[in-house]
C-alpha atoms as a PDB file:
ATOM      1  CA  UNK A   1       0.051  -0.198   0.036  1.00  0.00           C
ATOM      2  CA  UNK A   2       1.631   3.444  -1.012  1.00  0.00           C
ATOM      3  CA  UNK A   3       1.014   6.732   0.708  1.00  0.00           C
ATOM      4  CA  UNK A   4      -1.599   7.874  -1.779  1.00  0.00           C
ATOM      5  CA  UNK A   5      -3.857   4.748  -1.030  1.00  0.00           C
ATOM      6  CA  UNK A   6      -3.406   5.160   2.616  1.00  0.00           C
ATOM      7  CA  UNK A   7      -4.416   9.012   2.195  1.00  0.00           C
ATOM      8  CA  UNK A   8      -7.404   7.941   0.194  1.00  0.00           C
ATOM      9  CA  UNK A   9      -8.537   5.451   2.470  1.00  0.00           C
ATOM     10  CA  UNK A  10      -8.164   7.938   5.298  1.00  0.00           C
ATOM     11  CA  UNK A  11     -10.176  10.765   3.466  1.00  0.00           C
ATOM     12  CA  UNK A  12     -12.996   8.135   3.252  1.00  0.00           C
ATOM     13  CA  UNK A  13     -13.298   8.299  -0.570  1.00  0.00           C
ATOM     14  CA  UNK A  14     -14.786   4.686  -0.682  1.00  0.00           C
ATOM     15  CA  UNK A  15     -17.610   5.777   1.562  1.00  0.00           C
ATOM     16  CA  UNK A  16     -18.286   8.887  -0.276  1.00  0.00           C
ATOM     17  CA  UNK A  17     -18.604   6.909  -3.571  1.00  0.00           C
ATOM     18  CA  UNK A  18     -20.794   4.165  -1.999  1.00  0.00           C
ATOM     19  CA  UNK A  19     -23.050   6.997  -0.496  1.00  0.00           C
ATOM     20  CA  UNK A  20     -23.299   8.636  -3.733  1.00  0.00           C
ATOM     21  CA  UNK A  21     -24.077   5.303  -5.624  1.00  0.00           C
ATOM     22  CA  UNK A  22     -26.867   4.543  -3.256  1.00  0.00           C
ATOM     23  CA  UNK A  23     -28.337   8.023  -3.536  1.00  0.00           C
ATOM     24  CA  UNK A  24     -28.437   7.588  -7.192  1.00  0.00           C
ATOM     25  CA  UNK A  25     -30.107   4.317  -6.814  1.00  0.00           C
ATOM     26  CA  UNK A  26     -32.632   5.832  -4.540  1.00  0.00           C
ATOM     27  CA  UNK A  27     -33.270   8.739  -7.312  1.00  0.00           C
ATOM     28  CA  UNK A  28     -34.001   5.989  -9.585  1.00  0.00           C
ATOM     29  CA  UNK A  29     -36.542   4.294  -7.714  1.00  0.00           C
ATOM     30  CA  UNK A  30     -34.255   1.246  -6.222  1.00  0.00           C
ATOM     31  CA  UNK A  31     -35.188   0.115  -2.739  1.00  0.00           C
ATOM     32  CA  UNK A  32     -32.229  -2.246  -2.208  1.00  0.00           C
ATOM     33  CA  UNK A  33     -28.519  -3.060  -3.105  1.00  0.00           C
ATOM     34  CA  UNK A  34     -26.684  -6.031  -3.412  1.00  0.00           C
ATOM     35  CA  UNK A  35     -22.783  -6.266  -3.249  1.00  0.00           C
ATOM     36  CA  UNK A  36     -20.240  -8.984  -3.099  1.00  0.00           C
ATOM     37  CA  UNK A  37     -16.616  -8.978  -2.017  1.00  0.00           C
ATOM     38  CA  UNK A  38     -13.994 -11.454  -1.427  1.00  0.00           C
ATOM     39  CA  UNK A  39     -12.767 -12.008   2.012  1.00  0.00           C
ATOM     40  CA  UNK A  40      -9.598 -10.503   1.095  1.00  0.00           C
ATOM     41  CA  UNK A  41     -10.986  -7.430  -0.293  1.00  0.00           C
ATOM     42  CA  UNK A  42     -13.525  -5.352   1.763  1.00  0.00           C
ATOM     43  CA  UNK A  43     -16.389  -7.004   3.406  1.00  0.00           C
ATOM     44  CA  UNK A  44     -15.988  -5.217   6.436  1.00  0.00           C
ATOM     45  CA  UNK A  45     -16.213  -2.012   4.528  1.00  0.00           C
ATOM     46  CA  UNK A  46     -19.646  -2.752   3.437  1.00  0.00           C
ATOM     47  CA  UNK A  47     -20.659  -4.085   6.694  1.00  0.00           C
ATOM     48  CA  UNK A  48     -19.709  -0.654   8.336  1.00  0.00           C
ATOM     49  CA  UNK A  49     -22.035   0.924   5.772  1.00  0.00           C
ATOM     50  CA  UNK A  50     -24.984  -1.072   6.922  1.00  0.00           C
ATOM     51  CA  UNK A  51     -24.717  -4.133   4.509  1.00  0.00           C
ATOM     52  CA  UNK A  52     -25.685  -7.400   5.871  1.00  0.00           C
ATOM     53  CA  UNK A  53     -24.225 -10.603   4.464  1.00  0.00           C
ATOM     54  CA  UNK A  54     -26.758 -12.979   3.099  1.00  0.00           C
ATOM     55  CA  UNK A  55     -24.321 -15.948   2.011  1.00  0.00           C
ATOM     56  CA  UNK A  56     -20.967 -16.867   0.707  1.00  0.00           C
ATOM     57  CA  UNK A  57     -19.460 -18.808  -2.345  1.00  0.00           C
ATOM     58  CA  UNK A  58     -16.963 -21.114  -1.018  1.00  0.00           C
ATOM     59  CA  UNK A  59     -14.020 -22.726  -2.750  1.00  0.00           C
ATOM     60  CA  UNK A  60     -11.895 -20.115  -4.378  1.00  0.00           C
ATOM     61  CA  UNK A  61      -7.981 -20.478  -4.484  1.00  0.00           C
ATOM     62  CA  UNK A  62      -6.182 -19.888  -1.425  1.00  0.00           C
ATOM     63  CA  UNK A  63      -9.266 -20.311   0.752  1.00  0.00           C
ATOM     64  CA  UNK A  64     -10.968 -17.137  -0.268  1.00  0.00           C
ATOM     65  CA  UNK A  65     -14.765 -16.853  -0.168  1.00  0.00           C
ATOM     66  CA  UNK A  66     -16.997 -14.508  -2.164  1.00  0.00           C
ATOM     67  CA  UNK A  67     -19.381 -12.642   0.453  1.00  0.00           C
ATOM     68  CA  UNK A  68     -22.717 -11.739  -0.723  1.00  0.00           C
ATOM     69  CA  UNK A  69     -24.351  -8.612   1.026  1.00  0.00           C
ATOM     70  CA  UNK A  70     -27.502  -6.761   0.849  1.00  0.00           C
ATOM     71  CA  UNK A  71     -28.794  -3.403   2.222  1.00  0.00           C
ATOM     72  CA  UNK A  72     -32.292  -1.993   2.079  1.00  0.00           C
ATOM     73  CA  UNK A  73     -32.319   1.697   0.591  1.00  0.00           C
ATOM     74  CA  UNK A  74     -35.636   2.932   1.859  1.00  0.00           C
END
């Protein structure tokens, strides 16, 4: 991880982008959002933003799992 990536994380750009996407989805009439993230990526990020785990796909190399999550947008 380089210094620019650390600064971007600290500045909360991921959360800002996710919030903007959720707002656009609401504007378009969507009432829910579904995402997936591998265990080595960012499931905790989505959980901090209100997403709830609904299942996992197992069996990826290295023991990774694909975590499926859902959030109600209403």
